[in-house]
All heavy atoms as atom14 arrays in JSON, in Angstrom:
{
  "sequence": "GSAFEQYIVSFDHWIAFVLLALIGGNMVKESFSGEEECHDG",
  "atom14_mask": [
    [1, 1, 1, 1, 0, 0, 0, 0, 0, 0, 0, 0, 0, 0],
    [1, 1, 1, 1, 1, 1, 0, 0, 0, 0, 0, 0, 0, 0],
    [1, 1, 1, 1, 1, 0, 0, 0, 0, 0, 0, 0, 0, 0],
    [1, 1, 1, 1, 1, 1, 1, 1, 1, 1, 1, 0, 0, 0],
    [1, 1, 1, 1, 1, 1, 1, 1, 1, 0, 0, 0, 0, 0],
    [1, 1, 1, 1, 1, 1, 1, 1, 1, 0, 0, 0, 0, 0],
    [1, 1, 1, 1, 1, 1, 1, 1, 1, 1, 1, 1, 0, 0],
    [1, 1, 1, 1, 1, 1, 1, 1, 0, 0, 0, 0, 0, 0],
    [1, 1, 1, 1, 1, 1, 1, 0, 0, 0, 0, 0, 0, 0],
    [1, 1, 1, 1, 1, 1, 0, 0, 0, 0, 0, 0, 0, 0],
    [1, 1, 1, 1, 1, 1, 1, 1, 1, 1, 1, 0, 0, 0],
    [1, 1, 1, 1, 1, 1, 1, 1, 0, 0, 0, 0, 0, 0],
    [1, 1, 1, 1, 1, 1, 1, 1, 1, 1, 0, 0, 0, 0],
    [1, 1, 1, 1, 1, 1, 1, 1, 1, 1, 1, 1, 1, 1],
    [1, 1, 1, 1, 1, 1, 1, 1, 0, 0, 0, 0, 0, 0],
    [1, 1, 1, 1, 1, 0, 0, 0, 0, 0, 0, 0, 0, 0],
    [1, 1, 1, 1, 1, 1, 1, 1, 1, 1, 1, 0, 0, 0],
    [1, 1, 1, 1, 1, 1, 1, 0, 0, 0, 0, 0, 0, 0],
    [1, 1, 1, 1, 1, 1, 1, 1, 0, 0, 0, 0, 0, 0],
    [1, 1, 1, 1, 1, 1, 1, 1, 0, 0, 0, 0, 0, 0],
    [1, 1, 1, 1, 1, 0, 0, 0, 0, 0, 0, 0, 0, 0],
    [1, 1, 1, 1, 1, 1, 1, 1, 0, 0, 0, 0, 0, 0],
    [1, 1, 1, 1, 1, 1, 1, 1, 0, 0, 0, 0, 0, 0],
    [1, 1, 1, 1, 0, 0, 0, 0, 0, 0, 0, 0, 0, 0],
    [1, 1, 1, 1, 0, 0, 0, 0, 0, 0, 0, 0, 0, 0],
    [1, 1, 1, 1, 1, 1, 1, 1, 0, 0, 0, 0, 0, 0],
    [1, 1, 1, 1, 1, 1, 1, 1, 0, 0, 0, 0, 0, 0],
    [1, 1, 1, 1, 1, 1, 1, 0, 0, 0, 0, 0, 0, 0],
    [1, 1, 1, 1, 1, 1, 1, 1, 1, 0, 0, 0, 0, 0],
    [1, 1, 1, 1, 1, 1, 1, 1, 1, 0, 0, 0, 0, 0],
    [1, 1, 1, 1, 1, 1, 0, 0, 0, 0, 0, 0, 0, 0],
    [1, 1, 1, 1, 1, 1, 1, 1, 1, 1, 1, 0, 0, 0],
    [1, 1, 1, 1, 1, 1, 0, 0, 0, 0, 0, 0, 0, 0],
    [1, 1, 1, 1, 0, 0, 0, 0, 0, 0, 0, 0, 0, 0],
    [1, 1, 1, 1, 1, 1, 1, 1, 1, 0, 0, 0, 0, 0],
    [1, 1, 1, 1, 1, 1, 1, 1, 1, 0, 0, 0, 0, 0],
    [1, 1, 1, 1, 1, 1, 1, 1, 1, 0, 0, 0, 0, 0],
    [1, 1, 1, 1, 1, 1, 0, 0, 0, 0, 0, 0, 0, 0],
    [1, 1, 1, 1, 1, 1, 1, 1, 1, 1, 0, 0, 0, 0],
    [1, 1, 1, 1, 1, 1, 1, 1, 0, 0, 0, 0, 0, 0],
    [1, 1, 1, 1, 0, 0, 0, 0, 0, 0, 0, 0, 0, 0]
  ],
  "atom14_positions": [
    [[-8.77, 32.11, -39.45], [-9.83, 31.26, -38.94], [-9.55, 29.78, -39.04], [-8.44, 29.33, -39.3], [0.0, 0.0, 0.0], [0.0, 0.0, 0.0], [0.0, 0.0, 0.0], [0.0, 0.0, 0.0], [0.0, 0.0, 0.0], [0.0, 0.0, 0.0], [0.0, 0.0, 0.0], [0.0, 0.0, 0.0], [0.0, 0.0, 0.0], [0.0, 0.0, 0.0]],
    [[-10.59, 29.04, -38.82], [-10.48, 27.59, -38.74], [-10.17, 26.93, -40.09], [-9.69, 25.81, -40.11], [-11.75, 27.0, -38.15], [-12.85, 27.3, -38.98], [0.0, 0.0, 0.0], [0.0, 0.0, 0.0], [0.0, 0.0, 0.0], [0.0, 0.0, 0.0], [0.0, 0.0, 0.0], [0.0, 0.0, 0.0], [0.0, 0.0, 0.0], [0.0, 0.0, 0.0]],
    [[-10.41, 27.61, -41.18], [-10.17, 27.01, -42.5], [-8.69, 26.67, -42.71], [-8.38, 25.7, -43.4], [-10.64, 27.95, -43.6], [0.0, 0.0, 0.0], [0.0, 0.0, 0.0], [0.0, 0.0, 0.0], [0.0, 0.0, 0.0], [0.0, 0.0, 0.0], [0.0, 0.0, 0.0], [0.0, 0.0, 0.0], [0.0, 0.0, 0.0], [0.0, 0.0, 0.0]],
    [[-7.8, 27.46, -42.11], [-6.38, 27.23, -42.3], [-5.68, 26.66, -41.07], [-4.47, 26.52, -41.06], [-5.69, 28.53, -42.72], [-6.13, 29.03, -44.06], [-7.03, 30.07, -44.15], [-5.67, 28.43, -45.21], [-7.46, 30.53, -45.39], [-6.09, 28.88, -46.45], [-6.98, 29.92, -46.54], [0.0, 0.0, 0.0], [0.0, 0.0, 0.0], [0.0, 0.0, 0.0]],
    [[-6.43, 26.36, -40.03], [-5.83, 25.9, -38.78], [-4.94, 24.68, -38.97], [-3.82, 24.64, -38.48], [-6.91, 25.59, -37.74], [-6.32, 25.12, -36.43], [-7.39, 24.78, -35.41], [-8.57, 24.66, -35.78], [-7.03, 24.62, -34.25], [0.0, 0.0, 0.0], [0.0, 0.0, 0.0], [0.0, 0.0, 0.0], [0.0, 0.0, 0.0], [0.0, 0.0, 0.0]],
    [[-5.39, 23.72, -39.72], [-4.61, 22.49, -39.88], [-3.27, 22.74, -40.57], [-2.27, 22.09, -40.29], [-5.4, 21.45, -40.64], [-5.75, 21.85, -42.06], [-6.68, 20.87, -42.72], [-6.9, 19.78, -42.21], [-7.24, 21.24, -43.85], [0.0, 0.0, 0.0], [0.0, 0.0, 0.0], [0.0, 0.0, 0.0], [0.0, 0.0, 0.0], [0.0, 0.0, 0.0]],
    [[-3.22, 23.73, -41.45], [-1.97, 24.04, -42.14], [-0.99, 24.78, -41.23], [0.21, 24.54, -41.26], [-2.24, 24.87, -43.4], [-3.17, 24.17, -44.36], [-4.42, 24.69, -44.62], [-2.79, 22.99, -44.98], [-5.29, 24.05, -45.5], [-3.65, 22.34, -45.85], [-4.9, 22.87, -46.1], [-5.75, 22.24, -46.96], [0.0, 0.0, 0.0], [0.0, 0.0, 0.0]],
    [[-1.49, 25.71, -40.45], [-0.64, 26.5, -39.57], [-0.08, 25.65, -38.45], [1.12, 25.69, -38.16], [-1.42, 27.71, -39.01], [-1.81, 28.65, -40.15], [-0.63, 28.44, -37.95], [-2.85, 29.67, -39.75], [0.0, 0.0, 0.0], [0.0, 0.0, 0.0], [0.0, 0.0, 0.0], [0.0, 0.0, 0.0], [0.0, 0.0, 0.0], [0.0, 0.0, 0.0]],
    [[-0.94, 24.88, -37.82], [-0.51, 24.06, -36.7], [0.5, 23.01, -37.14], [1.39, 22.64, -36.38], [-1.75, 23.39, -36.03], [-1.34, 22.37, -35.0], [-2.61, 24.46, -35.39], [0.0, 0.0, 0.0], [0.0, 0.0, 0.0], [0.0, 0.0, 0.0], [0.0, 0.0, 0.0], [0.0, 0.0, 0.0], [0.0, 0.0, 0.0], [0.0, 0.0, 0.0]],
    [[0.44, 22.59, -38.37], [1.33, 21.52, -38.81], [2.77, 21.95, -39.01], [3.66, 21.12, -39.0], [0.79, 20.88, -40.1], [0.85, 21.81, -41.16], [0.0, 0.0, 0.0], [0.0, 0.0, 0.0], [0.0, 0.0, 0.0], [0.0, 0.0, 0.0], [0.0, 0.0, 0.0], [0.0, 0.0, 0.0], [0.0, 0.0, 0.0], [0.0, 0.0, 0.0]],
    [[3.04, 23.24, -39.17], [4.44, 23.63, -39.39], [4.91, 24.85, -38.59], [6.09, 25.22, -38.69], [4.71, 23.87, -40.88], [3.96, 25.03, -41.48], [4.45, 26.32, -41.4], [2.75, 24.82, -42.13], [3.77, 27.38, -41.95], [2.05, 25.87, -42.69], [2.56, 27.16, -42.6], [0.0, 0.0, 0.0], [0.0, 0.0, 0.0], [0.0, 0.0, 0.0]],
    [[4.08, 25.46, -37.76], [4.52, 26.64, -37.02], [5.69, 26.35, -36.1], [6.61, 27.15, -35.95], [3.37, 27.29, -36.26], [2.86, 26.46, -35.1], [3.12, 25.24, -35.04], [2.17, 27.04, -34.24], [0.0, 0.0, 0.0], [0.0, 0.0, 0.0], [0.0, 0.0, 0.0], [0.0, 0.0, 0.0], [0.0, 0.0, 0.0], [0.0, 0.0, 0.0]],
    [[5.69, 25.18, -35.5], [6.77, 24.81, -34.59], [8.1, 24.63, -35.31], [9.15, 24.94, -34.76], [6.39, 23.55, -33.81], [5.92, 22.43, -34.69], [4.66, 22.4, -35.26], [6.55, 21.32, -35.12], [4.53, 21.31, -35.98], [5.66, 20.64, -35.92], [0.0, 0.0, 0.0], [0.0, 0.0, 0.0], [0.0, 0.0, 0.0], [0.0, 0.0, 0.0]],
    [[8.06, 24.18, -36.55], [9.31, 24.03, -37.32], [9.91, 25.38, -37.67], [11.13, 25.57, -37.59], [9.05, 23.22, -38.6], [8.84, 21.77, -38.31], [7.66, 21.09, -38.33], [9.84, 20.82, -37.94], [7.86, 19.77, -37.99], [9.2, 19.58, -37.76], [11.22, 20.89, -37.74], [9.88, 18.42, -37.38], [11.9, 19.74, -37.38], [11.22, 18.52, -37.2]],
    [[9.07, 26.33, -38.04], [9.56, 27.68, -38.37], [10.19, 28.32, -37.14], [11.29, 28.86, -37.2], [8.42, 28.55, -38.93], [7.94, 28.02, -40.28], [8.86, 30.01, -39.05], [6.67, 28.67, -40.78], [0.0, 0.0, 0.0], [0.0, 0.0, 0.0], [0.0, 0.0, 0.0], [0.0, 0.0, 0.0], [0.0, 0.0, 0.0], [0.0, 0.0, 0.0]],
    [[9.48, 28.26, -36.0], [10.01, 28.85, -34.77], [11.32, 28.18, -34.38], [12.29, 28.84, -34.01], [8.99, 28.72, -33.65], [0.0, 0.0, 0.0], [0.0, 0.0, 0.0], [0.0, 0.0, 0.0], [0.0, 0.0, 0.0], [0.0, 0.0, 0.0], [0.0, 0.0, 0.0], [0.0, 0.0, 0.0], [0.0, 0.0, 0.0], [0.0, 0.0, 0.0]],
    [[11.38, 26.86, -34.47], [12.59, 26.12, -34.11], [13.77, 26.52, -34.99], [14.85, 26.83, -34.49], [12.34, 24.61, -34.21], [13.59, 23.79, -34.08], [14.25, 23.69, -32.86], [14.12, 23.13, -35.17], [15.4, 22.95, -32.72], [15.28, 22.38, -35.05], [15.93, 22.28, -33.82], [0.0, 0.0, 0.0], [0.0, 0.0, 0.0], [0.0, 0.0, 0.0]],
    [[13.58, 26.53, -36.29], [14.68, 26.86, -37.22], [15.18, 28.29, -37.0], [16.39, 28.52, -36.9], [14.25, 26.64, -38.69], [15.25, 27.23, -39.65], [14.06, 25.15, -38.96], [0.0, 0.0, 0.0], [0.0, 0.0, 0.0], [0.0, 0.0, 0.0], [0.0, 0.0, 0.0], [0.0, 0.0, 0.0], [0.0, 0.0, 0.0], [0.0, 0.0, 0.0]],
    [[14.27, 29.25, -36.9], [14.69, 30.64, -36.7], [15.43, 30.82, -35.39], [16.5, 31.44, -35.34], [13.49, 31.58, -36.77], [12.86, 31.78, -38.14], [11.59, 32.61, -38.03], [13.84, 32.42, -39.1], [0.0, 0.0, 0.0], [0.0, 0.0, 0.0], [0.0, 0.0, 0.0], [0.0, 0.0, 0.0], [0.0, 0.0, 0.0], [0.0, 0.0, 0.0]],
    [[14.89, 30.28, -34.3], [15.55, 30.43, -33.0], [16.88, 29.67, -32.95], [17.84, 30.15, -32.36], [14.62, 29.98, -31.87], [13.43, 30.9, -31.61], [12.47, 30.26, -30.62], [13.88, 32.25, -31.12], [0.0, 0.0, 0.0], [0.0, 0.0, 0.0], [0.0, 0.0, 0.0], [0.0, 0.0, 0.0], [0.0, 0.0, 0.0], [0.0, 0.0, 0.0]],
    [[16.94, 28.5, -33.57], [18.2, 27.75, -33.59], [19.27, 28.49, -34.39], [20.44, 28.52, -33.99], [17.97, 26.35, -34.16], [0.0, 0.0, 0.0], [0.0, 0.0, 0.0], [0.0, 0.0, 0.0], [0.0, 0.0, 0.0], [0.0, 0.0, 0.0], [0.0, 0.0, 0.0], [0.0, 0.0, 0.0], [0.0, 0.0, 0.0], [0.0, 0.0, 0.0]],
    [[18.9, 29.07, -35.52], [19.87, 29.83, -36.31], [20.39, 31.06, -35.56], [21.59, 31.32, -35.52], [19.26, 30.26, -37.65], [19.07, 29.15, -38.69], [18.29, 29.69, -39.89], [20.41, 28.59, -39.12], [0.0, 0.0, 0.0], [0.0, 0.0, 0.0], [0.0, 0.0, 0.0], [0.0, 0.0, 0.0], [0.0, 0.0, 0.0], [0.0, 0.0, 0.0]],
    [[19.47, 31.8, -34.99], [19.87, 33.0, -34.25], [20.68, 32.62, -33.01], [21.72, 33.21, -32.72], [18.63, 33.84, -33.88], [17.97, 34.37, -35.16], [18.99, 34.99, -32.95], [16.56, 34.88, -34.96], [0.0, 0.0, 0.0], [0.0, 0.0, 0.0], [0.0, 0.0, 0.0], [0.0, 0.0, 0.0], [0.0, 0.0, 0.0], [0.0, 0.0, 0.0]],
    [[20.21, 31.62, -32.27], [20.94, 31.15, -31.09], [22.3, 30.58, -31.44], [23.29, 30.83, -30.75], [0.0, 0.0, 0.0], [0.0, 0.0, 0.0], [0.0, 0.0, 0.0], [0.0, 0.0, 0.0], [0.0, 0.0, 0.0], [0.0, 0.0, 0.0], [0.0, 0.0, 0.0], [0.0, 0.0, 0.0], [0.0, 0.0, 0.0], [0.0, 0.0, 0.0]],
    [[22.36, 29.81, -32.53], [23.64, 29.26, -32.98], [24.64, 30.35, -33.32], [25.84, 30.24, -33.02], [0.0, 0.0, 0.0], [0.0, 0.0, 0.0], [0.0, 0.0, 0.0], [0.0, 0.0, 0.0], [0.0, 0.0, 0.0], [0.0, 0.0, 0.0], [0.0, 0.0, 0.0], [0.0, 0.0, 0.0], [0.0, 0.0, 0.0], [0.0, 0.0, 0.0]],
    [[24.15, 31.4, -33.95], [25.02, 32.53, -34.27], [25.54, 33.2, -33.0], [26.71, 33.58, -32.92], [24.28, 33.54, -35.14], [25.21, 34.59, -35.69], [26.28, 34.29, -36.21], [24.8, 35.84, -35.58], [0.0, 0.0, 0.0], [0.0, 0.0, 0.0], [0.0, 0.0, 0.0], [0.0, 0.0, 0.0], [0.0, 0.0, 0.0], [0.0, 0.0, 0.0]],
    [[24.7, 33.34, -32.0], [25.13, 33.92, -30.73], [26.18, 33.04, -30.05], [27.16, 33.54, -29.49], [23.94, 34.13, -29.78], [23.05, 35.28, -30.17], [21.67, 35.49, -29.03], [22.52, 36.13, -27.6], [0.0, 0.0, 0.0], [0.0, 0.0, 0.0], [0.0, 0.0, 0.0], [0.0, 0.0, 0.0], [0.0, 0.0, 0.0], [0.0, 0.0, 0.0]],
    [[25.98, 31.73, -30.08], [26.96, 30.81, -29.49], [28.29, 30.94, -30.22], [29.35, 31.05, -29.59], [26.44, 29.34, -29.54], [27.55, 28.36, -29.21], [25.25, 29.17, -28.61], [0.0, 0.0, 0.0], [0.0, 0.0, 0.0], [0.0, 0.0, 0.0], [0.0, 0.0, 0.0], [0.0, 0.0, 0.0], [0.0, 0.0, 0.0], [0.0, 0.0, 0.0]],
    [[28.24, 30.98, -31.54], [29.47, 31.15, -32.33], [30.17, 32.44, -31.97], [31.4, 32.47, -31.78], [29.13, 31.11, -33.82], [30.34, 31.17, -34.74], [29.92, 31.15, -36.19], [29.82, 32.6, -36.62], [29.51, 32.82, -37.99], [0.0, 0.0, 0.0], [0.0, 0.0, 0.0], [0.0, 0.0, 0.0], [0.0, 0.0, 0.0], [0.0, 0.0, 0.0]],
    [[29.43, 33.53, -31.87], [30.02, 34.82, -31.54], [30.61, 34.83, -30.13], [31.6, 35.53, -29.89], [28.98, 35.93, -31.67], [28.64, 36.25, -33.11], [27.55, 37.32, -33.23], [27.13, 37.89, -32.19], [27.12, 37.57, -34.36], [0.0, 0.0, 0.0], [0.0, 0.0, 0.0], [0.0, 0.0, 0.0], [0.0, 0.0, 0.0], [0.0, 0.0, 0.0]],
    [[30.04, 34.06, -29.21], [30.56, 34.05, -27.85], [31.95, 33.42, -27.79], [32.74, 33.73, -26.9], [29.62, 33.29, -26.91], [29.69, 31.89, -27.11], [0.0, 0.0, 0.0], [0.0, 0.0, 0.0], [0.0, 0.0, 0.0], [0.0, 0.0, 0.0], [0.0, 0.0, 0.0], [0.0, 0.0, 0.0], [0.0, 0.0, 0.0], [0.0, 0.0, 0.0]],
    [[32.28, 32.56, -28.75], [33.6, 31.92, -28.79], [34.59, 32.67, -29.68], [35.76, 32.33, -29.69], [33.48, 30.47, -29.28], [32.85, 29.55, -28.28], [31.58, 29.04, -28.5], [33.52, 29.21, -27.12], [31.0, 28.19, -27.58], [32.93, 28.37, -26.18], [31.67, 27.86, -26.42], [0.0, 0.0, 0.0], [0.0, 0.0, 0.0], [0.0, 0.0, 0.0]],
    [[34.14, 33.68, -30.4], [35.03, 34.37, -31.33], [36.08, 35.21, -30.62], [37.15, 35.45, -31.17], [34.22, 35.24, -32.29], [33.71, 36.36, -31.61], [0.0, 0.0, 0.0], [0.0, 0.0, 0.0], [0.0, 0.0, 0.0], [0.0, 0.0, 0.0], [0.0, 0.0, 0.0], [0.0, 0.0, 0.0], [0.0, 0.0, 0.0], [0.0, 0.0, 0.0]],
    [[35.78, 35.69, -29.43], [36.73, 36.51, -28.69], [36.87, 37.91, -29.24], [37.67, 38.7, -28.75], [0.0, 0.0, 0.0], [0.0, 0.0, 0.0], [0.0, 0.0, 0.0], [0.0, 0.0, 0.0], [0.0, 0.0, 0.0], [0.0, 0.0, 0.0], [0.0, 0.0, 0.0], [0.0, 0.0, 0.0], [0.0, 0.0, 0.0], [0.0, 0.0, 0.0]],
    [[36.14, 38.25, -30.27], [36.22, 39.57, -30.88], [35.36, 40.55, -30.1], [34.28, 40.22, -29.64], [35.69, 39.53, -32.32], [36.5, 38.68, -33.25], [35.85, 38.61, -34.64], [34.92, 39.38, -34.91], [36.27, 37.75, -35.41], [0.0, 0.0, 0.0], [0.0, 0.0, 0.0], [0.0, 0.0, 0.0], [0.0, 0.0, 0.0], [0.0, 0.0, 0.0]],
    [[35.87, 41.75, -29.95], [35.07, 42.84, -29.39], [34.34, 43.46, -30.57], [34.95, 44.08, -31.43], [35.96, 43.87, -28.7], [36.47, 43.42, -27.35], [35.35, 43.2, -26.35], [34.4, 44.01, -26.29], [35.43, 42.2, -25.62], [0.0, 0.0, 0.0], [0.0, 0.0, 0.0], [0.0, 0.0, 0.0], [0.0, 0.0, 0.0], [0.0, 0.0, 0.0]],
    [[33.07, 43.3, -30.61], [32.32, 43.85, -31.72], [31.18, 44.71, -31.22], [30.67, 44.51, -30.13], [31.8, 42.75, -32.66], [31.4, 41.49, -31.97], [30.99, 40.42, -32.95], [30.13, 40.67, -33.79], [31.52, 39.32, -32.84], [0.0, 0.0, 0.0], [0.0, 0.0, 0.0], [0.0, 0.0, 0.0], [0.0, 0.0, 0.0], [0.0, 0.0, 0.0]],
    [[30.82, 45.66, -32.03], [29.72, 46.54, -31.69], [28.43, 45.87, -32.14], [28.27, 45.54, -33.31], [29.9, 47.89, -32.39], [28.55, 49.03, -32.09], [0.0, 0.0, 0.0], [0.0, 0.0, 0.0], [0.0, 0.0, 0.0], [0.0, 0.0, 0.0], [0.0, 0.0, 0.0], [0.0, 0.0, 0.0], [0.0, 0.0, 0.0], [0.0, 0.0, 0.0]],
    [[27.52, 45.66, -31.22], [26.27, 44.98, -31.53], [25.1, 45.93, -31.76], [23.95, 45.52, -31.73], [25.91, 43.99, -30.42], [26.79, 42.79, -30.39], [26.64, 41.74, -31.24], [27.86, 42.5, -29.62], [27.56, 40.83, -30.99], [28.32, 41.28, -30.01], [0.0, 0.0, 0.0], [0.0, 0.0, 0.0], [0.0, 0.0, 0.0], [0.0, 0.0, 0.0]],
    [[25.39, 47.23, -31.94], [24.29, 48.17, -32.18], [23.52, 47.8, -33.44], [22.34, 48.05, -33.53], [24.82, 49.6, -32.28], [25.21, 50.15, -30.92], [24.77, 49.58, -29.91], [25.93, 51.14, -30.89], [0.0, 0.0, 0.0], [0.0, 0.0, 0.0], [0.0, 0.0, 0.0], [0.0, 0.0, 0.0], [0.0, 0.0, 0.0], [0.0, 0.0, 0.0]],
    [[24.19, 47.19, -34.42], [23.52, 46.76, -35.64], [22.52, 45.66, -35.4], [21.7, 45.35, -36.26], [0.0, 0.0, 0.0], [0.0, 0.0, 0.0], [0.0, 0.0, 0.0], [0.0, 0.0, 0.0], [0.0, 0.0, 0.0], [0.0, 0.0, 0.0], [0.0, 0.0, 0.0], [0.0, 0.0, 0.0], [0.0, 0.0, 0.0], [0.0, 0.0, 0.0]]
  ]
}
């Protein structure tokens, strides 16, 4: 509810940014590795 709105809105974008940047950065790194790897994991 509204009691916590100010806390959530103040940092939700930072959490989303960090998680997506880390995951995306890992994908970029893997694209340059040239290794054939199984991504089922």
